[in-house]
Amino acid sequence: MAIKVPIPPALAAVAGGRELLSTKEAAPQVNRTTHTLYKWSLNENGPIKPVRILGRLGWRVTDLAALLNGEVPE
């Protein structure tokens, strides 16, 4: 069973009910550049991992919220 993570209001506003954000949308939410998120994806060494859909990266809103709350996403 998934653990309910509180989503900060600013992140919720950007997400607008979606489960995934693009790299361009996710990077400012975690105070990183898009390049940093691409590196996390490429090297698979970041605190969160993206979902790959047809060659594009999607970042889970729940993972971003957990990161912002100081938790380690599963």
Protein backbone atom coordinates (compact mmCIF):
# COMPACT_ATOMS: atom_id res chain seq x y z
CA MET A 1 0.00 0.00 0.00
CA ALA A 2 1.33 3.44 -0.92
CA ILE A 3 2.04 5.94 1.83
CA LYS A 4 0.18 9.24 1.58
CA VAL A 5 2.66 12.09 1.18
CA PRO A 6 1.52 15.66 1.90
CA ILE A 7 1.94 17.69 -1.27
CA PRO A 8 3.09 21.29 -0.76
CA PRO A 9 0.60 23.86 -2.13
CA ALA A 10 3.03 25.27 -4.73
CA LEU A 11 3.70 21.79 -6.11
CA ALA A 12 -0.01 20.97 -6.12
CA ALA A 13 -0.71 24.15 -8.09
CA VAL A 14 1.84 23.23 -10.76
CA ALA A 15 0.67 19.61 -10.91
CA GLY A 16 -2.98 20.53 -11.30
CA GLY A 17 -4.08 17.02 -10.35
CA ARG A 18 -1.61 15.22 -12.63
CA GLU A 19 0.54 12.35 -11.34
CA LEU A 20 3.63 13.26 -13.40
CA LEU A 21 5.46 16.48 -14.23
CA SER A 22 7.85 17.13 -17.08
CA THR A 23 11.50 17.82 -16.31
CA LYS A 24 10.94 21.49 -17.13
CA GLU A 25 8.09 21.67 -14.59
CA ALA A 26 9.74 19.53 -11.91
CA ALA A 27 13.18 21.16 -11.75
CA PRO A 28 12.13 24.53 -10.26
CA GLN A 29 9.94 22.76 -7.71
CA VAL A 30 12.97 21.03 -6.17
CA ASN A 31 15.24 24.05 -6.71
CA ARG A 32 17.42 22.30 -9.30
CA THR A 33 18.17 22.88 -12.96
CA THR A 34 16.71 20.72 -15.70
CA HIS A 35 20.27 19.61 -16.41
CA THR A 36 20.56 18.21 -12.88
CA LEU A 37 17.38 16.18 -13.29
CA TYR A 38 18.60 14.86 -16.65
CA LYS A 39 21.85 13.81 -14.95
CA TRP A 40 19.93 12.06 -12.17
CA SER A 41 18.07 10.16 -14.86
CA LEU A 42 21.09 9.32 -16.99
CA ASN A 43 23.36 8.25 -14.14
CA GLU A 44 20.55 6.79 -12.02
CA ASN A 45 22.11 8.35 -8.94
CA GLY A 46 19.61 10.98 -7.87
CA PRO A 47 17.32 10.87 -4.85
CA ILE A 48 14.32 10.28 -7.14
CA LYS A 49 13.93 8.37 -10.38
CA PRO A 50 11.80 9.42 -13.36
CA VAL A 51 9.24 7.40 -15.25
CA ARG A 52 10.18 6.95 -18.90
CA ILE A 53 7.29 7.16 -21.34
CA LEU A 54 8.08 6.90 -25.05
CA GLY A 55 11.53 8.39 -24.53
CA ARG A 56 10.33 11.25 -22.33
CA LEU A 57 10.86 11.69 -18.62
CA GLY A 58 8.05 12.13 -16.14
CA TRP A 59 8.67 12.91 -12.49
CA ARG A 60 6.13 11.60 -9.95
CA VAL A 61 4.48 14.36 -7.94
CA THR A 62 4.53 12.12 -4.86
CA ASP A 63 8.31 11.58 -5.22
CA LEU A 64 8.86 15.33 -5.60
CA ALA A 65 6.69 15.99 -2.52
CA ALA A 66 8.59 13.38 -0.48
CA LEU A 67 11.88 14.97 -1.51
CA LEU A 68 10.61 18.42 -0.51
CA ASN A 69 9.43 17.01 2.84
CA GLY A 70 12.90 15.55 3.53
CA GLU A 71 11.78 11.96 3.04
CA VAL A 72 13.35 9.29 0.87
CA PRO A 73 10.88 8.19 -1.82
CA GLU A 74 10.49 4.43 -2.30
